[in-house]
Amino acid sequence: MTWAEFLPLFFMAVMGLTLLAYVVLDGYDLGVGLLLPLGTDAQKDTMIASIGPFWDANETWLVLGVGVLLVAFPKAHGMVLQALYLPAAIMLIGLILRGVAFDFRVKAPIQYKAFWNGAFFTGSLVASMAQGWMLGSYITGFDNGGIGWLFSLGIAITLPAAYTLLGAGWLIMKTEGDLQRRAVYWARRVLWPMGAALLAISAATPLVNAAVFDKWFGVPQIFALLPVPLMCAAAFFAVRWVVTRPNVVDAGYGWLVFVNTVLIFVLAFFGLAYSIFPDIVIGRLDVWEAAAATGSLTVIFIGVAITLPVIVAYTIFMYRVFWGKARELSYS
């Protein structure tokens, strides 16, 4: 493989992994936002405190992923954002609303706290559903027909449910006492609806994209890929096993909910990556057609080689410093 052939693959891998990191890391704090109305006033403060040191840094991965798409694959960037301009704008509005609500819910007069709590929930819901719609539209190749819209709507509903489970898993790890028990209950309630929706979307994906059907159900690849859905099922039932046994959580194994939910996300990501490769815009552009000139990619490679390790190191350091059980959020 030549350098010119390698660089587009490298940047596609970087873009994919940064977006996966965003979905997992920002996914749990979006999930906490979706769960916020279910807590008491005191519990809401603890729920916000559990994501306080992390939520804005988690969004760094989204900026990096979209930045790589812009500079490394300019043709794809124009095509994707042209098709997804409206849901992308709606997602940004949701994220901005979350950011404003995060600070104002504590600093505003007490009579407005409920309003800003509602704004934080609304921003989380809007951003989650917009991301789901964008993903669904991308998988269908930006199909504006009825089937494409229905599929995008299905993922727009499924992704917030998955984020909610991820957020509940995060709260099980980061909290204790009554809030932790409530988080176990929330995870138990959302588990089956999320699993059913995920199964329906997984079954529908090969139907809305013939190329995906051929990749997954041909022989012998159907046998080689069988471990992927089996591992997803195992992770799902591992979550169920934990949330239906409070003594397991009390014994300190509540983190299994979060870890196995993350595993489902990771497996779904790699399944999607396998389904669409080598296209970067499904059915329109492959990774080499969309890539910038080799000279430009070489310069960008140097920047990414410096920037990406710094972001990874910073993220690890941040989680190490602020790890442990969450306490009520306060501002000095």
C-alpha atoms as a PDB file:
ATOM      1  CA  MET A   1       0.000   0.000   0.000  1.00  0.00           C
ATOM      2  CA  THR A   2       1.390   3.399  -0.989  1.00  0.00           C
ATOM      3  CA  TRP A   3       1.476   6.491   1.208  1.00  0.00           C
ATOM      4  CA  ALA A   4      -1.248   8.075  -0.948  1.00  0.00           C
ATOM      5  CA  GLU A   5      -3.491   5.050  -0.415  1.00  0.00           C
ATOM      6  CA  PHE A   6      -2.757   4.828   3.308  1.00  0.00           C
ATOM      7  CA  LEU A   7      -3.483   8.431   4.310  1.00  0.00           C
ATOM      8  CA  PRO A   8      -7.218   8.447   3.426  1.00  0.00           C
ATOM      9  CA  LEU A   9      -7.672   5.204   5.369  1.00  0.00           C
ATOM     10  CA  PHE A  10      -5.819   6.675   8.336  1.00  0.00           C
ATOM     11  CA  PHE A  11      -7.991   9.771   8.431  1.00  0.00           C
ATOM     12  CA  MET A  12     -11.173   7.775   7.996  1.00  0.00           C
ATOM     13  CA  ALA A  13     -10.134   5.644  10.991  1.00  0.00           C
ATOM     14  CA  VAL A  14      -9.318   8.750  13.048  1.00  0.00           C
ATOM     15  CA  MET A  15     -12.631  10.376  12.139  1.00  0.00           C
ATOM     16  CA  GLY A  16     -14.586   7.227  12.940  1.00  0.00           C
ATOM     17  CA  LEU A  17     -12.888   6.630  16.274  1.00  0.00           C
ATOM     18  CA  THR A  18     -13.262  10.261  17.362  1.00  0.00           C
ATOM     19  CA  LEU A  19     -16.974  10.145  16.581  1.00  0.00           C
ATOM     20  CA  LEU A  20     -17.257   6.862  18.493  1.00  0.00           C
ATOM     21  CA  ALA A  21     -15.500   8.497  21.451  1.00  0.00           C
ATOM     22  CA  TYR A  22     -17.962  11.382  21.239  1.00  0.00           C
ATOM     23  CA  VAL A  23     -21.021   9.125  21.103  1.00  0.00           C
ATOM     24  CA  VAL A  24     -19.869   7.163  24.163  1.00  0.00           C
ATOM     25  CA  LEU A  25     -18.529  10.046  26.254  1.00  0.00           C
ATOM     26  CA  ASP A  26     -21.087  12.705  25.435  1.00  0.00           C
ATOM     27  CA  GLY A  27     -23.726   9.980  25.196  1.00  0.00           C
ATOM     28  CA  TYR A  28     -23.709   9.294  28.919  1.00  0.00           C
ATOM     29  CA  ASP A  29     -24.006  12.963  29.883  1.00  0.00           C
ATOM     30  CA  LEU A  30     -26.800  13.428  27.351  1.00  0.00           C
ATOM     31  CA  GLY A  31     -28.391  10.389  29.002  1.00  0.00           C
ATOM     32  CA  VAL A  32     -28.065  11.991  32.431  1.00  0.00           C
ATOM     33  CA  GLY A  33     -29.775  15.078  31.012  1.00  0.00           C
ATOM     34  CA  LEU A  34     -32.622  12.916  29.727  1.00  0.00           C
ATOM     35  CA  LEU A  35     -33.018  11.362  33.179  1.00  0.00           C
ATOM     36  CA  LEU A  36     -32.863  14.681  35.037  1.00  0.00           C
ATOM     37  CA  PRO A  37     -36.654  15.214  35.411  1.00  0.00           C
ATOM     38  CA  LEU A  38     -36.949  11.884  37.260  1.00  0.00           C
ATOM     39  CA  GLY A  39     -34.774  12.913  40.210  1.00  0.00           C
ATOM     40  CA  THR A  40     -35.629  14.947  43.293  1.00  0.00           C
ATOM     41  CA  ASP A  41     -34.258  18.486  43.583  1.00  0.00           C
ATOM     42  CA  ALA A  42     -31.277  17.317  45.633  1.00  0.00           C
ATOM     43  CA  GLN A  43     -30.682  14.375  43.315  1.00  0.00           C
ATOM     44  CA  LYS A  44     -30.728  16.673  40.278  1.00  0.00           C
ATOM     45  CA  ASP A  45     -27.767  18.563  41.746  1.00  0.00           C
ATOM     46  CA  THR A  46     -25.861  15.325  42.260  1.00  0.00           C
ATOM     47  CA  MET A  47     -26.733  14.120  38.754  1.00  0.00           C
ATOM     48  CA  ILE A  48     -25.377  17.342  37.254  1.00  0.00           C
ATOM     49  CA  ALA A  49     -22.316  17.124  39.499  1.00  0.00           C
ATOM     50  CA  SER A  50     -21.576  13.619  38.189  1.00  0.00           C
ATOM     51  CA  ILE A  51     -21.026  15.014  34.693  1.00  0.00           C
ATOM     52  CA  GLY A  52     -19.822  18.481  35.713  1.00  0.00           C
ATOM     53  CA  PRO A  53     -16.074  18.019  35.146  1.00  0.00           C
ATOM     54  CA  PHE A  54     -16.536  16.056  31.926  1.00  0.00           C
ATOM     55  CA  TRP A  55     -19.451  17.144  29.737  1.00  0.00           C
ATOM     56  CA  ASP A  56     -17.899  20.091  27.887  1.00  0.00           C
ATOM     57  CA  ALA A  57     -14.579  18.284  27.327  1.00  0.00           C
ATOM     58  CA  ASN A  58     -16.482  15.302  25.928  1.00  0.00           C
ATOM     59  CA  GLU A  59     -17.698  17.518  23.076  1.00  0.00           C
ATOM     60  CA  THR A  60     -14.073  18.063  22.007  1.00  0.00           C
ATOM     61  CA  TRP A  61     -14.306  14.730  20.203  1.00  0.00           C
ATOM     62  CA  LEU A  62     -17.200  15.966  18.065  1.00  0.00           C
ATOM     63  CA  VAL A  63     -15.206  19.040  17.052  1.00  0.00           C
ATOM     64  CA  LEU A  64     -12.204  16.876  16.170  1.00  0.00           C
ATOM     65  CA  GLY A  65     -14.267  14.392  14.152  1.00  0.00           C
ATOM     66  CA  VAL A  66     -16.057  17.075  12.123  1.00  0.00           C
ATOM     67  CA  GLY A  67     -12.748  18.935  11.717  1.00  0.00           C
ATOM     68  CA  VAL A  68     -11.099  15.846  10.223  1.00  0.00           C
ATOM     69  CA  LEU A  69     -14.059  15.439   7.860  1.00  0.00           C
ATOM     70  CA  LEU A  70     -13.639  19.064   6.732  1.00  0.00           C
ATOM     71  CA  VAL A  71      -9.890  19.122   6.134  1.00  0.00           C
ATOM     72  CA  ALA A  72      -9.254  15.526   5.040  1.00  0.00           C
ATOM     73  CA  PHE A  73     -12.444  14.844   3.047  1.00  0.00           C
ATOM     74  CA  PRO A  74     -13.677  18.225   1.763  1.00  0.00           C
ATOM     75  CA  LYS A  75     -15.883  16.716  -0.968  1.00  0.00           C
ATOM     76  CA  ALA A  76     -17.652  14.493   1.557  1.00  0.00           C
ATOM     77  CA  HIS A  77     -17.913  17.353   4.061  1.00  0.00           C
ATOM     78  CA  GLY A  78     -19.790  19.511   1.580  1.00  0.00           C
ATOM     79  CA  MET A  79     -22.076  16.676   0.550  1.00  0.00           C
ATOM     80  CA  VAL A  80     -22.849  15.499   4.101  1.00  0.00           C
ATOM     81  CA  LEU A  81     -23.480  18.908   5.652  1.00  0.00           C
ATOM     82  CA  GLN A  82     -25.536  20.039   2.685  1.00  0.00           C
ATOM     83  CA  ALA A  83     -27.845  17.066   3.236  1.00  0.00           C
ATOM     84  CA  LEU A  84     -27.802  17.358   7.039  1.00  0.00           C
ATOM     85  CA  TYR A  85     -27.734  21.131   7.435  1.00  0.00           C
ATOM     86  CA  LEU A  86     -31.068  21.396   9.282  1.00  0.00           C
ATOM     87  CA  PRO A  87     -30.614  18.518  11.787  1.00  0.00           C
ATOM     88  CA  ALA A  88     -27.011  19.624  12.390  1.00  0.00           C
ATOM     89  CA  ALA A  89     -28.235  23.148  13.194  1.00  0.00           C
ATOM     90  CA  ILE A  90     -30.911  21.726  15.496  1.00  0.00           C
ATOM     91  CA  MET A  91     -28.289  19.587  17.247  1.00  0.00           C
ATOM     92  CA  LEU A  92     -26.099  22.649  17.838  1.00  0.00           C
ATOM     93  CA  ILE A  93     -29.071  24.551  19.256  1.00  0.00           C
ATOM     94  CA  GLY A  94     -29.674  21.670  21.663  1.00  0.00           C
ATOM     95  CA  LEU A  95     -26.024  21.578  22.746  1.00  0.00           C
ATOM     96  CA  ILE A  96     -25.966  25.363  23.240  1.00  0.00           C
ATOM     97  CA  LEU A  97     -29.156  25.183  25.309  1.00  0.00           C
ATOM     98  CA  ARG A  98     -27.538  22.504  27.493  1.00  0.00           C
ATOM     99  CA  GLY A  99     -24.452  24.623  28.032  1.00  0.00           C
ATOM    100  CA  VAL A 100     -26.447  27.695  29.023  1.00  0.00           C
ATOM    101  CA  ALA A 101     -28.770  25.700  31.286  1.00  0.00           C
ATOM    102  CA  PHE A 102     -25.848  23.960  33.016  1.00  0.00           C
ATOM    103  CA  ASP A 103     -24.556  27.250  34.437  1.00  0.00           C
ATOM    104  CA  PHE A 104     -27.805  29.161  34.884  1.00  0.00           C
ATOM    105  CA  ARG A 105     -29.556  26.392  36.826  1.00  0.00           C
ATOM    106  CA  VAL A 106     -27.158  27.059  39.723  1.00  0.00           C
ATOM    107  CA  LYS A 107     -26.478  30.777  39.336  1.00  0.00           C
ATOM    108  CA  ALA A 108     -30.014  31.982  38.566  1.00  0.00           C
ATOM    109  CA  PRO A 109     -32.510  32.797  41.374  1.00  0.00           C
ATOM    110  CA  ILE A 110     -34.035  29.705  42.959  1.00  0.00           C
ATOM    111  CA  GLN A 111     -37.466  30.300  41.401  1.00  0.00           C
ATOM    112  CA  TYR A 112     -35.942  29.820  37.937  1.00  0.00           C
ATOM    113  CA  LYS A 113     -34.057  26.635  38.749  1.00  0.00           C
ATOM    114  CA  ALA A 114     -36.893  24.374  37.576  1.00  0.00           C
ATOM    115  CA  PHE A 115     -36.969  26.261  34.257  1.00  0.00           C
ATOM    116  CA  TRP A 116     -33.259  25.705  33.662  1.00  0.00           C
ATOM    117  CA  ASN A 117     -33.561  22.059  34.681  1.00  0.00           C
ATOM    118  CA  GLY A 118     -36.234  21.733  32.006  1.00  0.00           C
ATOM    119  CA  ALA A 119     -33.973  23.535  29.531  1.00  0.00           C
ATOM    120  CA  PHE A 120     -31.139  21.110  30.248  1.00  0.00           C
ATOM    121  CA  PHE A 121     -33.470  18.173  29.623  1.00  0.00           C
ATOM    122  CA  THR A 122     -34.866  19.764  26.461  1.00  0.00           C
ATOM    123  CA  GLY A 123     -31.386  20.482  25.097  1.00  0.00           C
ATOM    124  CA  SER A 124     -30.343  16.905  25.791  1.00  0.00           C
ATOM    125  CA  LEU A 125     -33.436  15.502  24.059  1.00  0.00           C
ATOM    126  CA  VAL A 126     -33.129  17.793  21.025  1.00  0.00           C
ATOM    127  CA  ALA A 127     -29.416  17.038  20.557  1.00  0.00           C
ATOM    128  CA  SER A 128     -29.949  13.280  20.970  1.00  0.00           C
ATOM    129  CA  MET A 129     -32.832  13.074  18.522  1.00  0.00           C
ATOM    130  CA  ALA A 130     -31.028  15.262  15.984  1.00  0.00           C
ATOM    131  CA  GLN A 131     -27.993  12.986  16.141  1.00  0.00           C
ATOM    132  CA  GLY A 132     -30.216   9.951  15.635  1.00  0.00           C
ATOM    133  CA  TRP A 133     -31.922  11.555  12.639  1.00  0.00           C
ATOM    134  CA  MET A 134     -28.529  12.443  11.114  1.00  0.00           C
ATOM    135  CA  LEU A 135     -27.298   8.880  11.560  1.00  0.00           C
ATOM    136  CA  GLY A 136     -30.438   7.411  10.015  1.00  0.00           C
ATOM    137  CA  SER A 137     -30.299   9.786   7.071  1.00  0.00           C
ATOM    138  CA  TYR A 138     -26.628   8.954   6.531  1.00  0.00           C
ATOM    139  CA  ILE A 139     -27.257   5.183   6.529  1.00  0.00           C
ATOM    140  CA  THR A 140     -30.003   5.517   3.910  1.00  0.00           C
ATOM    141  CA  GLY A 141     -27.749   7.584   1.662  1.00  0.00           C
ATOM    142  CA  PHE A 142     -29.804  10.725   2.391  1.00  0.00           C
ATOM    143  CA  ASP A 143     -32.982   9.177   1.013  1.00  0.00           C
ATOM    144  CA  ASN A 144     -35.750  11.778   1.237  1.00  0.00           C
ATOM    145  CA  GLY A 145     -38.518   9.283   0.483  1.00  0.00           C
ATOM    146  CA  GLY A 146     -40.997   7.879   2.948  1.00  0.00           C
ATOM    147  CA  ILE A 147     -38.891   4.843   3.863  1.00  0.00           C
ATOM    148  CA  GLY A 148     -35.829   7.016   4.455  1.00  0.00           C
ATOM    149  CA  TRP A 149     -37.774   9.393   6.691  1.00  0.00           C
ATOM    150  CA  LEU A 150     -39.324   6.528   8.638  1.00  0.00           C
ATOM    151  CA  PHE A 151     -35.933   4.887   9.167  1.00  0.00           C
ATOM    152  CA  SER A 152     -34.367   8.186  10.292  1.00  0.00           C
ATOM    153  CA  LEU A 153     -37.260   8.726  12.706  1.00  0.00           C
ATOM    154  CA  GLY A 154     -36.704   5.237  14.117  1.00  0.00           C
ATOM    155  CA  ILE A 155     -33.069   5.988  14.932  1.00  0.00           C
ATOM    156  CA  ALA A 156     -34.039   9.450  16.232  1.00  0.00           C
ATOM    157  CA  ILE A 157     -36.125   7.602  18.845  1.00  0.00           C
ATOM    158  CA  THR A 158     -33.690   4.743  19.449  1.00  0.00           C
ATOM    159  CA  LEU A 159     -30.560   6.807  20.111  1.00  0.00           C
ATOM    160  CA  PRO A 160     -32.034   8.797  23.049  1.00  0.00           C
ATOM    161  CA  ALA A 161     -33.171   5.497  24.584  1.00  0.00           C
ATOM    162  CA  ALA A 162     -29.637   4.105  24.234  1.00  0.00           C
ATOM    163  CA  TYR A 163     -28.196   7.311  25.703  1.00  0.00           C
ATOM    164  CA  THR A 164     -30.641   7.020  28.612  1.00  0.00           C
ATOM    165  CA  LEU A 165     -29.375   3.522  29.403  1.00  0.00           C
ATOM    166  CA  LEU A 166     -25.799   4.762  29.151  1.00  0.00           C
ATOM    167  CA  GLY A 167     -26.609   7.678  31.466  1.00  0.00           C
ATOM    168  CA  ALA A 168     -28.263   5.359  33.988  1.00  0.00           C
ATOM    169  CA  GLY A 169     -25.162   3.154  33.918  1.00  0.00           C
ATOM    170  CA  TRP A 170     -23.009   6.220  34.559  1.00  0.00           C
ATOM    171  CA  LEU A 171     -25.136   7.233  37.553  1.00  0.00           C
ATOM    172  CA  ILE A 172     -24.959   3.701  38.963  1.00  0.00           C
ATOM    173  CA  MET A 173     -21.164   4.000  38.897  1.00  0.00           C
ATOM    174  CA  LYS A 174     -20.912   7.585  40.127  1.00  0.00           C
ATOM    175  CA  THR A 175     -23.584   7.807  42.814  1.00  0.00           C
ATOM    176  CA  GLU A 176     -24.719   5.925  45.892  1.00  0.00           C
ATOM    177  CA  GLY A 177     -27.707   5.520  48.140  1.00  0.00           C
ATOM    178  CA  ASP A 178     -31.202   6.320  46.935  1.00  0.00           C
ATOM    179  CA  LEU A 179     -30.038   7.941  43.686  1.00  0.00           C
ATOM    180  CA  GLN A 180     -28.052   4.847  42.754  1.00  0.00           C
ATOM    181  CA  ARG A 181     -31.085   2.650  43.443  1.00  0.00           C
ATOM    182  CA  ARG A 182     -33.198   4.932  41.291  1.00  0.00           C
ATOM    183  CA  ALA A 183     -30.627   4.730  38.500  1.00  0.00           C
ATOM    184  CA  VAL A 184     -30.840   0.929  38.622  1.00  0.00           C
ATOM    185  CA  TYR A 185     -34.620   1.198  38.329  1.00  0.00           C
ATOM    186  CA  TRP A 186     -34.329   3.631  35.393  1.00  0.00           C
ATOM    187  CA  ALA A 187     -31.900   1.298  33.625  1.00  0.00           C
ATOM    188  CA  ARG A 188     -34.265  -1.624  34.154  1.00  0.00           C
ATOM    189  CA  ARG A 189     -37.211   0.358  32.718  1.00  0.00           C
ATOM    190  CA  VAL A 190     -35.410   1.574  29.593  1.00  0.00           C
ATOM    191  CA  LEU A 191     -33.507  -1.643  28.856  1.00  0.00           C
ATOM    192  CA  TRP A 192     -36.195  -3.602  27.005  1.00  0.00           C
ATOM    193  CA  PRO A 193     -37.573  -0.669  24.960  1.00  0.00           C
ATOM    194  CA  MET A 194     -34.017   0.222  23.918  1.00  0.00           C
ATOM    195  CA  GLY A 195     -33.225  -3.417  23.080  1.00  0.00           C
ATOM    196  CA  ALA A 196     -36.402  -3.811  21.017  1.00  0.00           C
ATOM    197  CA  ALA A 197     -35.781  -0.571  19.129  1.00  0.00           C
ATOM    198  CA  LEU A 198     -32.143  -1.492  18.492  1.00  0.00           C
ATOM    199  CA  LEU A 199     -33.148  -4.906  17.201  1.00  0.00           C
ATOM    200  CA  ALA A 200     -35.763  -3.372  14.900  1.00  0.00           C
ATOM    201  CA  ILE A 201     -33.285  -0.840  13.500  1.00  0.00           C
ATOM    202  CA  SER A 202     -30.637  -3.553  13.009  1.00  0.00           C
ATOM    203  CA  ALA A 203     -33.145  -5.672  11.096  1.00  0.00           C
ATOM    204  CA  ALA A 204     -34.310  -2.718   9.008  1.00  0.00           C
ATOM    205  CA  THR A 205     -30.838  -1.463   8.040  1.00  0.00           C
ATOM    206  CA  PRO A 206     -30.138  -4.223   5.448  1.00  0.00           C
ATOM    207  CA  LEU A 207     -33.610  -3.630   4.008  1.00  0.00           C
ATOM    208  CA  VAL A 208     -33.053   0.090   3.375  1.00  0.00           C
ATOM    209  CA  ASN A 209     -29.540  -0.432   2.026  1.00  0.00           C
ATOM    210  CA  ALA A 210     -29.013  -3.387  -0.334  1.00  0.00           C
ATOM    211  CA  ALA A 211     -25.211  -3.144  -0.046  1.00  0.00           C
ATOM    212  CA  VAL A 212     -25.456  -3.748   3.703  1.00  0.00           C
ATOM    213  CA  PHE A 213     -27.612  -6.825   3.103  1.00  0.00           C
ATOM    214  CA  ASP A 214     -25.032  -8.296   0.722  1.00  0.00           C
ATOM    215  CA  LYS A 215     -22.170  -7.673   3.137  1.00  0.00           C
ATOM    216  CA  TRP A 216     -23.869  -9.287   6.129  1.00  0.00           C
ATOM    217  CA  PHE A 217     -25.877 -12.132   4.671  1.00  0.00           C
ATOM    218  CA  GLY A 218     -23.585 -13.493   1.995  1.00  0.00           C
ATOM    219  CA  VAL A 219     -21.614 -16.695   2.484  1.00  0.00           C
ATOM    220  CA  PRO A 220     -19.176 -17.147   4.201  1.00  0.00           C
ATOM    221  CA  GLN A 221     -19.267 -13.685   5.841  1.00  0.00           C
ATOM    222  CA  ILE A 222     -22.540 -14.439   7.662  1.00  0.00           C
ATOM    223  CA  PHE A 223     -20.677 -17.051   9.720  1.00  0.00           C
ATOM    224  CA  ALA A 224     -17.622 -14.858  10.269  1.00  0.00           C
ATOM    225  CA  LEU A 225     -19.811 -11.970  11.490  1.00  0.00           C
ATOM    226  CA  LEU A 226     -22.076 -14.058  13.727  1.00  0.00           C
ATOM    227  CA  PRO A 227     -20.017 -13.231  16.871  1.00  0.00           C
ATOM    228  CA  VAL A 228     -20.997  -9.551  16.562  1.00  0.00           C
ATOM    229  CA  PRO A 229     -24.752  -9.954  17.231  1.00  0.00           C
ATOM    230  CA  LEU A 230     -24.009 -12.731  19.729  1.00  0.00           C
ATOM    231  CA  MET A 231     -21.701 -10.434  21.712  1.00  0.00           C
ATOM    232  CA  CYS A 232     -24.341  -7.675  21.573  1.00  0.00           C
ATOM    233  CA  ALA A 233     -26.913 -10.092  22.966  1.00  0.00           C
ATOM    234  CA  ALA A 234     -24.502 -11.232  25.687  1.00  0.00           C
ATOM    235  CA  ALA A 235     -23.810  -7.607  26.690  1.00  0.00           C
ATOM    236  CA  PHE A 236     -27.543  -6.849  26.744  1.00  0.00           C
ATOM    237  CA  PHE A 237     -28.345  -9.757  29.038  1.00  0.00           C
ATOM    238  CA  ALA A 238     -25.342  -8.929  31.223  1.00  0.00           C
ATOM    239  CA  VAL A 239     -26.901  -5.500  31.794  1.00  0.00           C
ATOM    240  CA  ARG A 240     -30.240  -7.117  32.548  1.00  0.00           C
ATOM    241  CA  TRP A 241     -28.621  -9.547  34.977  1.00  0.00           C
ATOM    242  CA  VAL A 242     -27.061  -6.676  36.963  1.00  0.00           C
ATOM    243  CA  VAL A 243     -30.082  -4.353  37.065  1.00  0.00           C
ATOM    244  CA  THR A 244     -32.393  -7.133  38.233  1.00  0.00           C
ATOM    245  CA  ARG A 245     -30.095  -8.041  41.137  1.00  0.00           C
ATOM    246  CA  PRO A 246     -29.636  -5.132  43.576  1.00  0.00           C
ATOM    247  CA  ASN A 247     -27.204  -7.186  45.645  1.00  0.00           C
ATOM    248  CA  VAL A 248     -24.795  -7.219  42.683  1.00  0.00           C
ATOM    249  CA  VAL A 249     -24.851  -3.416  42.570  1.00  0.00           C
ATOM    250  CA  ASP A 250     -24.455  -3.223  46.364  1.00  0.00           C
ATOM    251  CA  ALA A 251     -21.423  -5.499  46.064  1.00  0.00           C
ATOM    252  CA  GLY A 252     -19.724  -2.923  43.824  1.00  0.00           C
ATOM    253  CA  TYR A 253     -20.353  -4.383  40.379  1.00  0.00           C
ATOM    254  CA  GLY A 254     -22.725  -1.698  39.124  1.00  0.00           C
ATOM    255  CA  TRP A 255     -20.044  -0.568  36.675  1.00  0.00           C
ATOM    256  CA  LEU A 256     -20.938  -3.631  34.580  1.00  0.00           C
ATOM    257  CA  VAL A 257     -24.056  -1.813  33.363  1.00  0.00           C
ATOM    258  CA  PHE A 258     -22.035   1.044  31.922  1.00  0.00           C
ATOM    259  CA  VAL A 259     -19.267  -1.149  30.503  1.00  0.00           C
ATOM    260  CA  ASN A 260     -21.637  -3.535  28.742  1.00  0.00           C
ATOM    261  CA  THR A 261     -23.695  -0.667  27.337  1.00  0.00           C
ATOM    262  CA  VAL A 262     -20.484   0.843  25.962  1.00  0.00           C
ATOM    263  CA  LEU A 263     -19.680  -2.569  24.456  1.00  0.00           C
ATOM    264  CA  ILE A 264     -23.011  -2.517  22.604  1.00  0.00           C
ATOM    265  CA  PHE A 265     -22.182   0.932  21.225  1.00  0.00           C
ATOM    266  CA  VAL A 266     -18.711  -0.200  20.129  1.00  0.00           C
ATOM    267  CA  LEU A 267     -20.015  -3.334  18.418  1.00  0.00           C
ATOM    268  CA  ALA A 268     -22.725  -1.317  16.651  1.00  0.00           C
ATOM    269  CA  PHE A 269     -20.084   1.157  15.485  1.00  0.00           C
ATOM    270  CA  PHE A 270     -17.797  -1.485  14.030  1.00  0.00           C
ATOM    271  CA  GLY A 271     -20.776  -3.217  12.442  1.00  0.00           C
ATOM    272  CA  LEU A 272     -21.720   0.054  10.748  1.00  0.00           C
ATOM    273  CA  ALA A 273     -18.117   0.710   9.710  1.00  0.00           C
ATOM    274  CA  TYR A 274     -17.922  -2.729   8.107  1.00  0.00           C
ATOM    275  CA  SER A 275     -21.272  -2.176   6.377  1.00  0.00           C
ATOM    276  CA  ILE A 276     -20.321   1.069   4.638  1.00  0.00           C
ATOM    277  CA  PHE A 277     -16.584   0.617   3.950  1.00  0.00           C
ATOM    278  CA  PRO A 278     -14.972   1.825   1.699  1.00  0.00           C
ATOM    279  CA  ASP A 279     -17.652   4.483   1.139  1.00  0.00           C
ATOM    280  CA  ILE A 280     -17.543   7.648   3.148  1.00  0.00           C
ATOM    281  CA  VAL A 281     -20.788   8.885   1.582  1.00  0.00           C
ATOM    282  CA  ILE A 282     -22.797   5.723   1.015  1.00  0.00           C
ATOM    283  CA  GLY A 283     -23.268   4.955  -2.659  1.00  0.00           C
ATOM    284  CA  ARG A 284     -21.667   8.235  -3.791  1.00  0.00           C
ATOM    285  CA  LEU A 285     -18.056   8.654  -2.665  1.00  0.00           C
ATOM    286  CA  ASP A 286     -15.484   6.209  -1.401  1.00  0.00           C
ATOM    287  CA  VAL A 287     -12.706   7.218   0.959  1.00  0.00           C
ATOM    288  CA  TRP A 288     -10.111   7.780  -1.789  1.00  0.00           C
ATOM    289  CA  GLU A 289     -12.410   9.802  -4.044  1.00  0.00           C
ATOM    290  CA  ALA A 290     -13.372  12.103  -1.182  1.00  0.00           C
ATOM    291  CA  ALA A 291      -9.828  12.638   0.166  1.00  0.00           C
ATOM    292  CA  ALA A 292      -7.840  15.832  -0.210  1.00  0.00           C
ATOM    293  CA  ALA A 293      -4.551  15.878  -2.121  1.00  0.00           C
ATOM    294  CA  THR A 294      -1.771  13.698  -0.726  1.00  0.00           C
ATOM    295  CA  GLY A 295       0.425  16.706   0.024  1.00  0.00           C
ATOM    296  CA  SER A 296      -2.350  18.318   2.046  1.00  0.00           C
ATOM    297  CA  LEU A 297      -3.055  15.087   3.919  1.00  0.00           C
ATOM    298  CA  THR A 298       0.634  14.765   4.779  1.00  0.00           C
ATOM    299  CA  VAL A 299       0.622  18.193   6.431  1.00  0.00           C
ATOM    300  CA  ILE A 300      -2.632  17.390   8.241  1.00  0.00           C
ATOM    301  CA  PHE A 301      -1.143  14.063   9.360  1.00  0.00           C
ATOM    302  CA  ILE A 302       1.588  15.932  11.249  1.00  0.00           C
ATOM    303  CA  GLY A 303      -1.001  18.071  13.025  1.00  0.00           C
ATOM    304  CA  VAL A 304      -3.170  15.096  13.958  1.00  0.00           C
ATOM    305  CA  ALA A 305      -0.117  13.143  15.160  1.00  0.00           C
ATOM    306  CA  ILE A 306       0.524  15.962  17.638  1.00  0.00           C
ATOM    307  CA  THR A 307      -3.052  16.900  18.555  1.00  0.00           C
ATOM    308  CA  LEU A 308      -4.687  13.485  18.967  1.00  0.00           C
ATOM    309  CA  PRO A 309      -2.262  12.105  21.620  1.00  0.00           C
ATOM    310  CA  VAL A 310      -2.621  15.350  23.595  1.00  0.00           C
ATOM    311  CA  ILE A 311      -6.422  15.069  23.599  1.00  0.00           C
ATOM    312  CA  VAL A 312      -6.245  11.392  24.593  1.00  0.00           C
ATOM    313  CA  ALA A 313      -3.757  12.142  27.401  1.00  0.00           C
ATOM    314  CA  TYR A 314      -5.821  15.079  28.636  1.00  0.00           C
ATOM    315  CA  THR A 315      -9.000  12.991  28.638  1.00  0.00           C
ATOM    316  CA  ILE A 316      -7.367  10.169  30.598  1.00  0.00           C
ATOM    317  CA  PHE A 317      -5.887  12.637  33.081  1.00  0.00           C
ATOM    318  CA  MET A 318      -9.229  14.419  33.547  1.00  0.00           C
ATOM    319  CA  TYR A 319     -11.121  11.194  34.267  1.00  0.00           C
ATOM    320  CA  ARG A 320      -8.383  10.056  36.652  1.00  0.00           C
ATOM    321  CA  VAL A 321      -8.453  13.333  38.620  1.00  0.00           C
ATOM    322  CA  PHE A 322     -12.244  13.587  38.896  1.00  0.00           C
ATOM    323  CA  TRP A 323     -13.022   9.892  39.332  1.00  0.00           C
ATOM    324  CA  GLY A 324     -14.978   8.726  42.357  1.00  0.00           C
ATOM    325  CA  LYS A 325     -18.485   9.184  43.660  1.00  0.00           C
ATOM    326  CA  ALA A 326     -20.249  12.438  42.768  1.00  0.00           C
ATOM    327  CA  ARG A 327     -21.332  14.953  45.364  1.00  0.00           C
ATOM    328  CA  GLU A 328     -23.752  17.872  45.142  1.00  0.00           C
ATOM    329  CA  LEU A 329     -22.651  20.467  42.592  1.00  0.00           C
ATOM    330  CA  SER A 330     -21.515  23.797  43.980  1.00  0.00           C
ATOM    331  CA  TYR A 331     -19.940  27.010  42.638  1.00  0.00           C
ATOM    332  CA  SER A 332     -17.528  29.138  44.612  1.00  0.00           C
END
